[in-house]
Amino acid sequence: MILPGEQRFQYETALRQLQAFPGSWILEIGSFRGGSAHCFAQAILDTPDTPDSPESMLVCIDPFFGCYDEGLRAVLQRDFQGASSFVPFCEALGPARLARTIPVAATADKAAILLGHLHAPPFGLALIDGDHTWQAQLRDLELARSLLLPGATILCHDSSWEDTQIATAQFSKQWGYQLERGVGGDFDRITV
């Protein structure tokens, strides 16, 4: 669950990145109920568009039906009668924020193919909060790296989980990226 302090951190990080990279987009891998997406979409709305740059958008990748974690799947079954997490995702964003959001209902490996056809401008920020296994974390980090501008930021949520710690450190070392541990709550920050 995202705490108010973490929401503020995500919002402020998004504002900084949108100011540093006008017209850039934000990528979120692992949206679930839309808490982080709400913060990012609000930052997009609060950043004025400039005539010489395109509108910033948020791309959210999530299967939206169930989830990989048995406990979270049980919560979906109980709270939403087995419905997809897409309904609470949309409710969390509301109409204005949804207008600047492109939800991609797929797993990250399938979304990589779809993103190749999106013709999006480069991304200035990515949040990795998908499947928290070592393999999936590395896959998601590589997908984000392929879409990000030099100097962009990757936030990795649930950085206290062992698999995410190992994968994030391995990825940062492999590419020579700066890694900051435990920022803004339970995040790691990578500067590419």
N, C-alpha and C. Protein backbone atom coordinates (compact mmCIF):
# COMPACT_ATOMS: atom_id res chain seq x y z
N MET A 1 0.84 -1.19 0.00
CA MET A 1 0.00 0.00 0.00
C MET A 1 0.88 1.24 0.00
N ILE A 2 0.47 2.23 -0.76
CA ILE A 2 1.24 3.47 -0.85
C ILE A 2 0.78 4.41 0.25
N LEU A 3 1.72 4.93 1.00
CA LEU A 3 1.43 5.82 2.11
C LEU A 3 1.43 7.27 1.63
N PRO A 4 0.80 8.16 2.37
CA PRO A 4 0.77 9.57 1.95
C PRO A 4 2.16 10.15 1.69
N GLY A 5 3.15 9.82 2.51
CA GLY A 5 4.51 10.31 2.28
C GLY A 5 5.08 9.80 0.97
N GLU A 6 4.78 8.56 0.65
CA GLU A 6 5.24 8.00 -0.62
C GLU A 6 4.52 8.66 -1.78
N GLN A 7 3.25 8.96 -1.62
CA GLN A 7 2.52 9.64 -2.69
C GLN A 7 3.13 11.01 -2.97
N ARG A 8 3.46 11.74 -1.93
CA ARG A 8 4.08 13.05 -2.10
C ARG A 8 5.43 12.91 -2.80
N PHE A 9 6.22 11.92 -2.40
CA PHE A 9 7.52 11.68 -3.02
C PHE A 9 7.37 11.40 -4.52
N GLN A 10 6.40 10.55 -4.88
CA GLN A 10 6.19 10.22 -6.29
C GLN A 10 5.73 11.45 -7.09
N TYR A 11 4.82 12.19 -6.53
CA TYR A 11 4.32 13.40 -7.18
C TYR A 11 5.45 14.40 -7.41
N GLU A 12 6.25 14.67 -6.38
CA GLU A 12 7.35 15.64 -6.50
C GLU A 12 8.43 15.16 -7.45
N THR A 13 8.71 13.86 -7.44
CA THR A 13 9.68 13.31 -8.39
C THR A 13 9.18 13.49 -9.82
N ALA A 14 7.91 13.22 -10.05
CA ALA A 14 7.33 13.38 -11.39
C ALA A 14 7.39 14.84 -11.83
N LEU A 15 7.05 15.76 -10.95
CA LEU A 15 7.13 17.19 -11.29
C LEU A 15 8.55 17.57 -11.71
N ARG A 16 9.55 17.14 -10.94
CA ARG A 16 10.94 17.46 -11.28
C ARG A 16 11.33 16.91 -12.64
N GLN A 17 10.95 15.66 -12.91
CA GLN A 17 11.32 15.04 -14.17
C GLN A 17 10.60 15.70 -15.35
N LEU A 18 9.33 16.06 -15.17
CA LEU A 18 8.59 16.73 -16.24
C LEU A 18 9.14 18.12 -16.53
N GLN A 19 9.65 18.79 -15.50
CA GLN A 19 10.28 20.09 -15.71
C GLN A 19 11.64 19.94 -16.39
N ALA A 20 12.37 18.88 -16.03
CA ALA A 20 13.69 18.64 -16.64
C ALA A 20 13.57 18.17 -18.08
N PHE A 21 12.49 17.43 -18.38
CA PHE A 21 12.29 16.87 -19.71
C PHE A 21 10.89 17.23 -20.21
N PRO A 22 10.67 18.50 -20.63
CA PRO A 22 9.34 18.91 -21.07
C PRO A 22 8.81 18.01 -22.20
N GLY A 23 7.55 17.62 -22.08
CA GLY A 23 6.93 16.78 -23.10
C GLY A 23 7.25 15.30 -22.98
N SER A 24 8.11 14.95 -22.02
CA SER A 24 8.43 13.52 -21.86
C SER A 24 7.24 12.80 -21.23
N TRP A 25 7.23 11.50 -21.35
CA TRP A 25 6.16 10.69 -20.81
C TRP A 25 6.64 9.96 -19.56
N ILE A 26 5.70 9.40 -18.81
CA ILE A 26 6.00 8.63 -17.61
C ILE A 26 5.51 7.20 -17.84
N LEU A 27 6.34 6.25 -17.46
CA LEU A 27 6.02 4.82 -17.59
C LEU A 27 5.84 4.23 -16.21
N GLU A 28 4.73 3.51 -16.02
CA GLU A 28 4.49 2.80 -14.76
C GLU A 28 4.27 1.33 -15.08
N ILE A 29 5.11 0.48 -14.52
CA ILE A 29 4.94 -0.96 -14.68
C ILE A 29 4.46 -1.50 -13.34
N GLY A 30 3.20 -1.93 -13.33
CA GLY A 30 2.56 -2.40 -12.10
C GLY A 30 1.67 -1.32 -11.53
N SER A 31 0.43 -1.25 -11.98
CA SER A 31 -0.48 -0.17 -11.57
C SER A 31 -1.45 -0.58 -10.48
N PHE A 32 -1.87 -1.82 -10.48
CA PHE A 32 -2.83 -2.38 -9.55
C PHE A 32 -4.04 -1.47 -9.41
N ARG A 33 -4.21 -0.79 -8.28
CA ARG A 33 -5.42 0.03 -8.05
C ARG A 33 -5.23 1.51 -8.38
N GLY A 34 -4.07 1.91 -8.86
CA GLY A 34 -3.90 3.27 -9.36
C GLY A 34 -3.37 4.31 -8.40
N GLY A 35 -2.86 3.92 -7.24
CA GLY A 35 -2.34 4.91 -6.29
C GLY A 35 -1.19 5.72 -6.84
N SER A 36 -0.20 5.05 -7.41
CA SER A 36 0.94 5.76 -8.00
C SER A 36 0.53 6.50 -9.26
N ALA A 37 -0.30 5.87 -10.07
CA ALA A 37 -0.77 6.50 -11.31
C ALA A 37 -1.47 7.83 -11.01
N HIS A 38 -2.23 7.87 -9.93
CA HIS A 38 -2.90 9.10 -9.52
C HIS A 38 -1.87 10.21 -9.30
N CYS A 39 -0.80 9.90 -8.59
CA CYS A 39 0.25 10.90 -8.31
C CYS A 39 0.90 11.39 -9.59
N PHE A 40 1.24 10.47 -10.49
CA PHE A 40 1.92 10.83 -11.73
C PHE A 40 1.01 11.62 -12.66
N ALA A 41 -0.24 11.18 -12.80
CA ALA A 41 -1.17 11.89 -13.69
C ALA A 41 -1.46 13.29 -13.16
N GLN A 42 -1.52 13.44 -11.84
CA GLN A 42 -1.74 14.77 -11.27
C GLN A 42 -0.54 15.66 -11.55
N ALA A 43 0.66 15.12 -11.46
CA ALA A 43 1.86 15.90 -11.77
C ALA A 43 1.84 16.35 -13.23
N ILE A 44 1.37 15.48 -14.12
CA ILE A 44 1.26 15.85 -15.53
C ILE A 44 0.27 17.01 -15.68
N LEU A 45 -0.87 16.92 -15.02
CA LEU A 45 -1.86 18.00 -15.10
C LEU A 45 -1.33 19.30 -14.52
N ASP A 46 -0.49 19.22 -13.50
CA ASP A 46 0.03 20.40 -12.82
C ASP A 46 1.26 20.99 -13.52
N THR A 47 1.74 20.35 -14.57
CA THR A 47 2.89 20.85 -15.33
C THR A 47 2.36 21.47 -16.62
N PRO A 48 2.57 22.77 -16.81
CA PRO A 48 2.02 23.40 -18.01
C PRO A 48 2.68 22.84 -19.28
N ASP A 49 1.85 22.60 -20.30
CA ASP A 49 2.38 22.22 -21.60
C ASP A 49 3.04 23.44 -22.23
N THR A 50 4.06 23.18 -23.03
CA THR A 50 4.71 24.28 -23.75
C THR A 50 4.43 24.12 -25.23
N PRO A 51 4.40 25.21 -25.97
CA PRO A 51 4.08 25.13 -27.39
C PRO A 51 5.07 24.28 -28.19
N ASP A 52 6.32 24.23 -27.73
CA ASP A 52 7.35 23.51 -28.50
C ASP A 52 7.54 22.06 -28.05
N SER A 53 6.71 21.57 -27.14
CA SER A 53 6.82 20.17 -26.73
C SER A 53 5.44 19.52 -26.71
N PRO A 54 5.39 18.23 -27.00
CA PRO A 54 4.09 17.55 -27.00
C PRO A 54 3.56 17.40 -25.57
N GLU A 55 2.28 17.02 -25.48
CA GLU A 55 1.68 16.77 -24.16
C GLU A 55 2.34 15.57 -23.51
N SER A 56 2.64 15.69 -22.24
CA SER A 56 3.13 14.54 -21.49
C SER A 56 1.96 13.60 -21.24
N MET A 57 2.26 12.32 -21.18
CA MET A 57 1.25 11.29 -20.93
C MET A 57 1.83 10.28 -19.95
N LEU A 58 0.95 9.50 -19.37
CA LEU A 58 1.31 8.42 -18.46
C LEU A 58 0.91 7.11 -19.11
N VAL A 59 1.84 6.17 -19.21
CA VAL A 59 1.54 4.83 -19.72
C VAL A 59 1.62 3.87 -18.54
N CYS A 60 0.51 3.19 -18.26
CA CYS A 60 0.42 2.25 -17.13
C CYS A 60 0.29 0.83 -17.66
N ILE A 61 1.23 -0.01 -17.28
CA ILE A 61 1.22 -1.41 -17.70
C ILE A 61 0.84 -2.28 -16.52
N ASP A 62 -0.23 -3.05 -16.69
CA ASP A 62 -0.66 -3.97 -15.65
C ASP A 62 -1.63 -4.96 -16.30
N PRO A 63 -1.62 -6.22 -15.87
CA PRO A 63 -2.61 -7.14 -16.43
C PRO A 63 -4.04 -6.77 -16.02
N PHE A 64 -4.19 -6.05 -14.91
CA PHE A 64 -5.46 -5.57 -14.38
C PHE A 64 -6.45 -6.67 -14.01
N PHE A 65 -6.23 -7.88 -14.42
CA PHE A 65 -7.08 -8.98 -13.97
C PHE A 65 -6.28 -9.80 -12.99
N GLY A 66 -6.75 -9.82 -11.76
CA GLY A 66 -6.03 -10.57 -10.75
C GLY A 66 -4.64 -10.00 -10.57
N CYS A 67 -3.78 -10.83 -10.10
CA CYS A 67 -2.39 -10.46 -9.93
C CYS A 67 -1.62 -11.73 -9.64
N TYR A 68 -0.32 -11.61 -9.59
CA TYR A 68 0.52 -12.79 -9.40
C TYR A 68 0.56 -13.25 -7.95
N ASP A 69 0.32 -12.35 -7.03
CA ASP A 69 0.42 -12.64 -5.61
C ASP A 69 -0.91 -13.24 -5.12
N GLU A 70 -0.84 -14.40 -4.51
CA GLU A 70 -2.07 -15.09 -4.04
C GLU A 70 -2.85 -14.24 -3.04
N GLY A 71 -2.16 -13.59 -2.11
CA GLY A 71 -2.83 -12.77 -1.11
C GLY A 71 -3.56 -11.59 -1.74
N LEU A 72 -2.90 -10.91 -2.68
CA LEU A 72 -3.54 -9.79 -3.34
C LEU A 72 -4.69 -10.25 -4.23
N ARG A 73 -4.54 -11.42 -4.83
CA ARG A 73 -5.62 -11.96 -5.65
C ARG A 73 -6.85 -12.22 -4.76
N ALA A 74 -6.61 -12.70 -3.54
CA ALA A 74 -7.72 -12.94 -2.60
C ALA A 74 -8.41 -11.63 -2.23
N VAL A 75 -7.63 -10.55 -2.08
CA VAL A 75 -8.21 -9.24 -1.79
C VAL A 75 -9.10 -8.80 -2.95
N LEU A 76 -8.63 -8.99 -4.17
CA LEU A 76 -9.44 -8.63 -5.34
C LEU A 76 -10.74 -9.43 -5.35
N GLN A 77 -10.62 -10.72 -5.07
CA GLN A 77 -11.81 -11.57 -5.07
C GLN A 77 -12.80 -11.09 -4.02
N ARG A 78 -12.29 -10.76 -2.83
CA ARG A 78 -13.17 -10.36 -1.72
C ARG A 78 -13.75 -8.96 -1.95
N ASP A 79 -12.88 -7.99 -2.25
CA ASP A 79 -13.33 -6.60 -2.32
C ASP A 79 -14.05 -6.25 -3.62
N PHE A 80 -13.72 -6.93 -4.68
CA PHE A 80 -14.28 -6.57 -5.99
C PHE A 80 -15.00 -7.75 -6.64
N GLN A 81 -15.38 -8.73 -5.85
CA GLN A 81 -16.11 -9.90 -6.33
C GLN A 81 -15.44 -10.50 -7.57
N GLY A 82 -14.10 -10.57 -7.53
CA GLY A 82 -13.36 -11.19 -8.62
C GLY A 82 -13.17 -10.30 -9.83
N ALA A 83 -13.69 -9.07 -9.76
CA ALA A 83 -13.55 -8.17 -10.90
C ALA A 83 -12.10 -7.74 -11.06
N SER A 84 -11.82 -7.16 -12.16
CA SER A 84 -10.47 -6.70 -12.43
C SER A 84 -10.12 -5.53 -11.53
N SER A 85 -8.83 -5.27 -11.38
CA SER A 85 -8.38 -4.10 -10.63
C SER A 85 -8.50 -2.84 -11.48
N PHE A 86 -8.98 -2.97 -12.71
CA PHE A 86 -9.11 -1.82 -13.60
C PHE A 86 -10.19 -0.84 -13.12
N VAL A 87 -11.25 -1.36 -12.54
CA VAL A 87 -12.31 -0.48 -12.04
C VAL A 87 -11.78 0.43 -10.93
N PRO A 88 -11.16 -0.12 -9.87
CA PRO A 88 -10.62 0.80 -8.86
C PRO A 88 -9.49 1.67 -9.40
N PHE A 89 -8.75 1.19 -10.38
CA PHE A 89 -7.71 2.00 -11.02
C PHE A 89 -8.34 3.25 -11.64
N CYS A 90 -9.39 3.07 -12.42
CA CYS A 90 -10.07 4.20 -13.07
C CYS A 90 -10.69 5.13 -12.05
N GLU A 91 -11.28 4.56 -11.01
CA GLU A 91 -11.88 5.39 -9.96
C GLU A 91 -10.83 6.21 -9.23
N ALA A 92 -9.65 5.65 -9.02
CA ALA A 92 -8.58 6.37 -8.32
C ALA A 92 -8.10 7.56 -9.15
N LEU A 93 -8.10 7.42 -10.46
CA LEU A 93 -7.61 8.50 -11.31
C LEU A 93 -8.66 9.57 -11.56
N GLY A 94 -9.87 9.18 -11.81
CA GLY A 94 -10.91 10.15 -12.15
C GLY A 94 -10.76 10.62 -13.59
N PRO A 95 -11.77 11.30 -14.13
CA PRO A 95 -11.81 11.65 -15.56
C PRO A 95 -10.64 12.51 -16.04
N ALA A 96 -10.28 13.55 -15.30
CA ALA A 96 -9.23 14.47 -15.79
C ALA A 96 -7.89 13.76 -15.88
N ARG A 97 -7.55 12.97 -14.88
CA ARG A 97 -6.26 12.28 -14.90
C ARG A 97 -6.27 11.13 -15.90
N LEU A 98 -7.43 10.46 -16.06
CA LEU A 98 -7.52 9.38 -17.05
C LEU A 98 -7.31 9.90 -18.46
N ALA A 99 -7.68 11.16 -18.72
CA ALA A 99 -7.52 11.74 -20.05
C ALA A 99 -6.05 11.83 -20.46
N ARG A 100 -5.13 11.83 -19.50
CA ARG A 100 -3.69 11.91 -19.79
C ARG A 100 -3.00 10.57 -19.50
N THR A 101 -3.78 9.49 -19.47
CA THR A 101 -3.26 8.17 -19.12
C THR A 101 -3.60 7.16 -20.22
N ILE A 102 -2.62 6.32 -20.54
CA ILE A 102 -2.83 5.23 -21.48
C ILE A 102 -2.64 3.93 -20.71
N PRO A 103 -3.74 3.27 -20.31
CA PRO A 103 -3.59 1.98 -19.63
C PRO A 103 -3.32 0.89 -20.66
N VAL A 104 -2.33 0.06 -20.39
CA VAL A 104 -2.00 -1.07 -21.26
C VAL A 104 -2.24 -2.33 -20.44
N ALA A 105 -3.32 -3.04 -20.77
CA ALA A 105 -3.69 -4.25 -20.03
C ALA A 105 -2.90 -5.43 -20.57
N ALA A 106 -1.73 -5.62 -20.01
CA ALA A 106 -0.85 -6.71 -20.44
C ALA A 106 0.23 -6.90 -19.39
N THR A 107 0.90 -8.03 -19.45
CA THR A 107 2.09 -8.21 -18.64
C THR A 107 3.21 -7.41 -19.29
N ALA A 108 4.26 -7.11 -18.54
CA ALA A 108 5.33 -6.24 -19.06
C ALA A 108 6.00 -6.83 -20.29
N ASP A 109 6.17 -8.15 -20.35
CA ASP A 109 6.83 -8.73 -21.52
C ASP A 109 5.99 -8.54 -22.78
N LYS A 110 4.67 -8.66 -22.67
CA LYS A 110 3.79 -8.42 -23.82
C LYS A 110 3.67 -6.92 -24.10
N ALA A 111 3.70 -6.11 -23.07
CA ALA A 111 3.59 -4.67 -23.24
C ALA A 111 4.79 -4.11 -24.01
N ALA A 112 5.94 -4.73 -23.87
CA ALA A 112 7.13 -4.26 -24.60
C ALA A 112 6.85 -4.25 -26.10
N ILE A 113 6.16 -5.26 -26.58
CA ILE A 113 5.81 -5.33 -28.01
C ILE A 113 4.84 -4.20 -28.36
N LEU A 114 3.83 -4.00 -27.51
CA LEU A 114 2.84 -2.95 -27.76
C LEU A 114 3.48 -1.56 -27.74
N LEU A 115 4.40 -1.33 -26.80
CA LEU A 115 5.03 -0.02 -26.69
C LEU A 115 5.86 0.31 -27.93
N GLY A 116 6.36 -0.70 -28.59
CA GLY A 116 7.10 -0.48 -29.83
C GLY A 116 6.24 0.13 -30.91
N HIS A 117 4.93 -0.07 -30.82
CA HIS A 117 3.99 0.46 -31.82
C HIS A 117 3.32 1.75 -31.37
N LEU A 118 3.59 2.20 -30.17
CA LEU A 118 2.92 3.37 -29.61
C LEU A 118 3.45 4.69 -30.17
N HIS A 119 4.70 4.70 -30.60
CA HIS A 119 5.36 5.90 -31.12
C HIS A 119 5.32 7.03 -30.09
N ALA A 120 5.59 6.67 -28.85
CA ALA A 120 5.62 7.65 -27.77
C ALA A 120 6.95 8.40 -27.79
N PRO A 121 6.95 9.65 -27.34
CA PRO A 121 8.23 10.32 -27.15
C PRO A 121 8.98 9.61 -26.03
N PRO A 122 10.26 9.91 -25.87
CA PRO A 122 11.00 9.25 -24.79
C PRO A 122 10.40 9.54 -23.42
N PHE A 123 10.66 8.64 -22.51
CA PHE A 123 10.14 8.73 -21.15
C PHE A 123 11.19 9.39 -20.25
N GLY A 124 10.73 10.24 -19.34
CA GLY A 124 11.63 10.91 -18.39
C GLY A 124 11.60 10.28 -17.01
N LEU A 125 10.63 9.38 -16.78
CA LEU A 125 10.47 8.74 -15.47
C LEU A 125 9.81 7.39 -15.66
N ALA A 126 10.27 6.41 -14.90
CA ALA A 126 9.63 5.10 -14.88
C ALA A 126 9.49 4.64 -13.43
N LEU A 127 8.37 4.00 -13.13
CA LEU A 127 8.16 3.35 -11.85
C LEU A 127 8.08 1.85 -12.11
N ILE A 128 8.88 1.09 -11.39
CA ILE A 128 8.85 -0.37 -11.47
C ILE A 128 8.20 -0.87 -10.18
N ASP A 129 7.00 -1.45 -10.32
CA ASP A 129 6.26 -1.95 -9.17
C ASP A 129 5.39 -3.13 -9.61
N GLY A 130 5.97 -3.97 -10.46
CA GLY A 130 5.23 -5.11 -11.00
C GLY A 130 5.47 -6.36 -10.18
N ASP A 131 5.66 -7.45 -10.86
CA ASP A 131 5.97 -8.74 -10.23
C ASP A 131 7.34 -8.60 -9.56
N HIS A 132 7.44 -8.87 -8.29
CA HIS A 132 8.64 -8.58 -7.51
C HIS A 132 9.65 -9.71 -7.46
N THR A 133 9.61 -10.63 -8.42
CA THR A 133 10.65 -11.65 -8.49
C THR A 133 11.90 -11.05 -9.11
N TRP A 134 13.03 -11.67 -8.88
CA TRP A 134 14.30 -11.20 -9.41
C TRP A 134 14.24 -11.10 -10.94
N GLN A 135 13.75 -12.15 -11.61
CA GLN A 135 13.71 -12.18 -13.06
C GLN A 135 12.79 -11.08 -13.61
N ALA A 136 11.61 -10.93 -13.01
CA ALA A 136 10.66 -9.93 -13.49
C ALA A 136 11.19 -8.52 -13.25
N GLN A 137 11.83 -8.30 -12.12
CA GLN A 137 12.38 -6.97 -11.82
C GLN A 137 13.43 -6.59 -12.87
N LEU A 138 14.31 -7.53 -13.20
CA LEU A 138 15.32 -7.26 -14.23
C LEU A 138 14.66 -7.00 -15.59
N ARG A 139 13.66 -7.79 -15.94
CA ARG A 139 12.95 -7.61 -17.21
C ARG A 139 12.32 -6.22 -17.27
N ASP A 140 11.66 -5.83 -16.19
CA ASP A 140 10.99 -4.53 -16.16
C ASP A 140 12.00 -3.38 -16.22
N LEU A 141 13.11 -3.54 -15.52
CA LEU A 141 14.16 -2.51 -15.57
C LEU A 141 14.73 -2.37 -16.98
N GLU A 142 14.94 -3.48 -17.66
CA GLU A 142 15.47 -3.43 -19.03
C GLU A 142 14.46 -2.78 -19.98
N LEU A 143 13.19 -3.08 -19.82
CA LEU A 143 12.17 -2.44 -20.64
C LEU A 143 12.20 -0.93 -20.42
N ALA A 144 12.23 -0.51 -19.17
CA ALA A 144 12.27 0.92 -18.87
C ALA A 144 13.53 1.56 -19.46
N ARG A 145 14.67 0.92 -19.30
CA ARG A 145 15.93 1.47 -19.82
C ARG A 145 15.86 1.72 -21.32
N SER A 146 15.19 0.83 -22.04
CA SER A 146 15.11 0.96 -23.50
C SER A 146 14.25 2.15 -23.93
N LEU A 147 13.46 2.71 -23.02
CA LEU A 147 12.53 3.79 -23.37
C LEU A 147 12.90 5.14 -22.76
N LEU A 148 13.88 5.16 -21.85
CA LEU A 148 14.18 6.36 -21.09
C LEU A 148 15.22 7.27 -21.75
N LEU A 149 15.07 8.55 -21.48
CA LEU A 149 16.05 9.55 -21.89
C LEU A 149 17.29 9.46 -21.00
N PRO A 150 18.48 9.82 -21.50
CA PRO A 150 19.64 9.92 -20.61
C PRO A 150 19.36 10.95 -19.52
N GLY A 151 19.67 10.61 -18.29
CA GLY A 151 19.40 11.49 -17.15
C GLY A 151 18.04 11.27 -16.52
N ALA A 152 17.23 10.39 -17.10
CA ALA A 152 15.92 10.08 -16.56
C ALA A 152 16.05 9.30 -15.25
N THR A 153 14.94 9.11 -14.59
CA THR A 153 14.91 8.43 -13.29
C THR A 153 14.03 7.19 -13.36
N ILE A 154 14.50 6.13 -12.70
CA ILE A 154 13.69 4.94 -12.47
C ILE A 154 13.47 4.83 -10.97
N LEU A 155 12.22 4.74 -10.56
CA LEU A 155 11.88 4.46 -9.16
C LEU A 155 11.47 3.00 -9.07
N CYS A 156 12.02 2.30 -8.10
CA CYS A 156 11.66 0.90 -7.85
C CYS A 156 10.97 0.83 -6.50
N HIS A 157 9.69 0.47 -6.50
CA HIS A 157 8.94 0.38 -5.25
C HIS A 157 9.17 -0.97 -4.59
N ASP A 158 8.89 -1.04 -3.30
CA ASP A 158 9.12 -2.24 -2.49
C ASP A 158 10.59 -2.64 -2.51
N SER A 159 11.43 -1.63 -2.35
CA SER A 159 12.88 -1.85 -2.42
C SER A 159 13.41 -2.64 -1.23
N SER A 160 12.59 -2.86 -0.23
CA SER A 160 13.04 -3.66 0.92
C SER A 160 12.92 -5.16 0.64
N TRP A 161 12.26 -5.55 -0.45
CA TRP A 161 12.12 -6.96 -0.79
C TRP A 161 13.45 -7.47 -1.33
N GLU A 162 13.85 -8.65 -0.90
CA GLU A 162 15.17 -9.17 -1.25
C GLU A 162 15.39 -9.28 -2.76
N ASP A 163 14.44 -9.87 -3.49
CA ASP A 163 14.62 -10.04 -4.94
C ASP A 163 14.74 -8.70 -5.65
N THR A 164 13.94 -7.70 -5.25
CA THR A 164 14.03 -6.40 -5.91
C THR A 164 15.36 -5.72 -5.58
N GLN A 165 15.85 -5.90 -4.35
CA GLN A 165 17.16 -5.33 -3.99
C GLN A 165 18.27 -5.90 -4.85
N ILE A 166 18.28 -7.21 -4.99
CA ILE A 166 19.34 -7.89 -5.75
C ILE A 166 19.28 -7.49 -7.22
N ALA A 167 18.08 -7.53 -7.81
CA ALA A 167 17.94 -7.21 -9.23
C ALA A 167 18.29 -5.76 -9.51
N THR A 168 17.85 -4.85 -8.65
CA THR A 168 18.12 -3.43 -8.85
C THR A 168 19.61 -3.14 -8.74
N ALA A 169 20.28 -3.74 -7.77
CA ALA A 169 21.73 -3.55 -7.64
C ALA A 169 22.47 -4.13 -8.84
N GLN A 170 22.06 -5.30 -9.28
CA GLN A 170 22.70 -5.93 -10.44
C GLN A 170 22.53 -5.07 -11.69
N PHE A 171 21.33 -4.60 -11.93
CA PHE A 171 21.03 -3.78 -13.09
C PHE A 171 21.85 -2.48 -13.05
N SER A 172 21.86 -1.80 -11.91
CA SER A 172 22.59 -0.53 -11.79
C SER A 172 24.07 -0.72 -12.01
N LYS A 173 24.63 -1.77 -11.46
CA LYS A 173 26.05 -2.05 -11.63
C LYS A 173 26.38 -2.38 -13.09
N GLN A 174 25.53 -3.20 -13.71
CA GLN A 174 25.77 -3.61 -15.10
C GLN A 174 25.83 -2.40 -16.04
N TRP A 175 24.97 -1.42 -15.83
CA TRP A 175 24.90 -0.27 -16.72
C TRP A 175 25.65 0.95 -16.19
N GLY A 176 26.24 0.86 -15.00
CA GLY A 176 26.99 1.98 -14.44
C GLY A 176 26.10 3.14 -14.01
N TYR A 177 24.87 2.83 -13.60
CA TYR A 177 23.92 3.86 -13.18
C TYR A 177 24.05 4.13 -11.69
N GLN A 178 23.74 5.35 -11.30
CA GLN A 178 23.73 5.74 -9.89
C GLN A 178 22.49 5.16 -9.22
N LEU A 179 22.70 4.51 -8.08
CA LEU A 179 21.61 3.90 -7.32
C LEU A 179 21.56 4.51 -5.93
N GLU A 180 20.39 5.00 -5.55
CA GLU A 180 20.16 5.50 -4.20
C GLU A 180 19.13 4.59 -3.54
N ARG A 181 19.48 4.05 -2.40
CA ARG A 181 18.60 3.09 -1.70
C ARG A 181 17.69 3.81 -0.71
N GLY A 182 16.47 3.28 -0.56
CA GLY A 182 15.56 3.70 0.51
C GLY A 182 15.17 5.16 0.50
N VAL A 183 14.89 5.71 -0.67
CA VAL A 183 14.48 7.11 -0.74
C VAL A 183 12.95 7.19 -0.76
N GLY A 184 12.39 8.25 -0.22
CA GLY A 184 10.95 8.50 -0.30
C GLY A 184 10.07 7.41 0.27
N GLY A 185 10.57 6.67 1.23
CA GLY A 185 9.81 5.54 1.78
C GLY A 185 10.49 4.25 1.35
N ASP A 186 9.75 3.40 0.65
CA ASP A 186 10.28 2.09 0.26
C ASP A 186 10.63 2.07 -1.23
N PHE A 187 11.44 3.06 -1.66
CA PHE A 187 11.86 3.18 -3.06
C PHE A 187 13.37 3.15 -3.18
N ASP A 188 13.84 2.62 -4.29
CA ASP A 188 15.20 2.85 -4.75
C ASP A 188 15.09 3.77 -5.96
N ARG A 189 16.07 4.67 -6.11
CA ARG A 189 16.07 5.59 -7.25
C ARG A 189 17.33 5.32 -8.08
N ILE A 190 17.13 5.14 -9.36
CA ILE A 190 18.23 4.92 -10.31
C ILE A 190 18.22 6.10 -11.28
N THR A 191 19.39 6.70 -11.48
CA THR A 191 19.53 7.74 -12.49
C THR A 191 20.26 7.14 -13.69
N VAL A 192 19.62 7.20 -14.85
CA VAL A 192 20.21 6.58 -16.05
C VAL A 192 21.00 7.59 -16.86
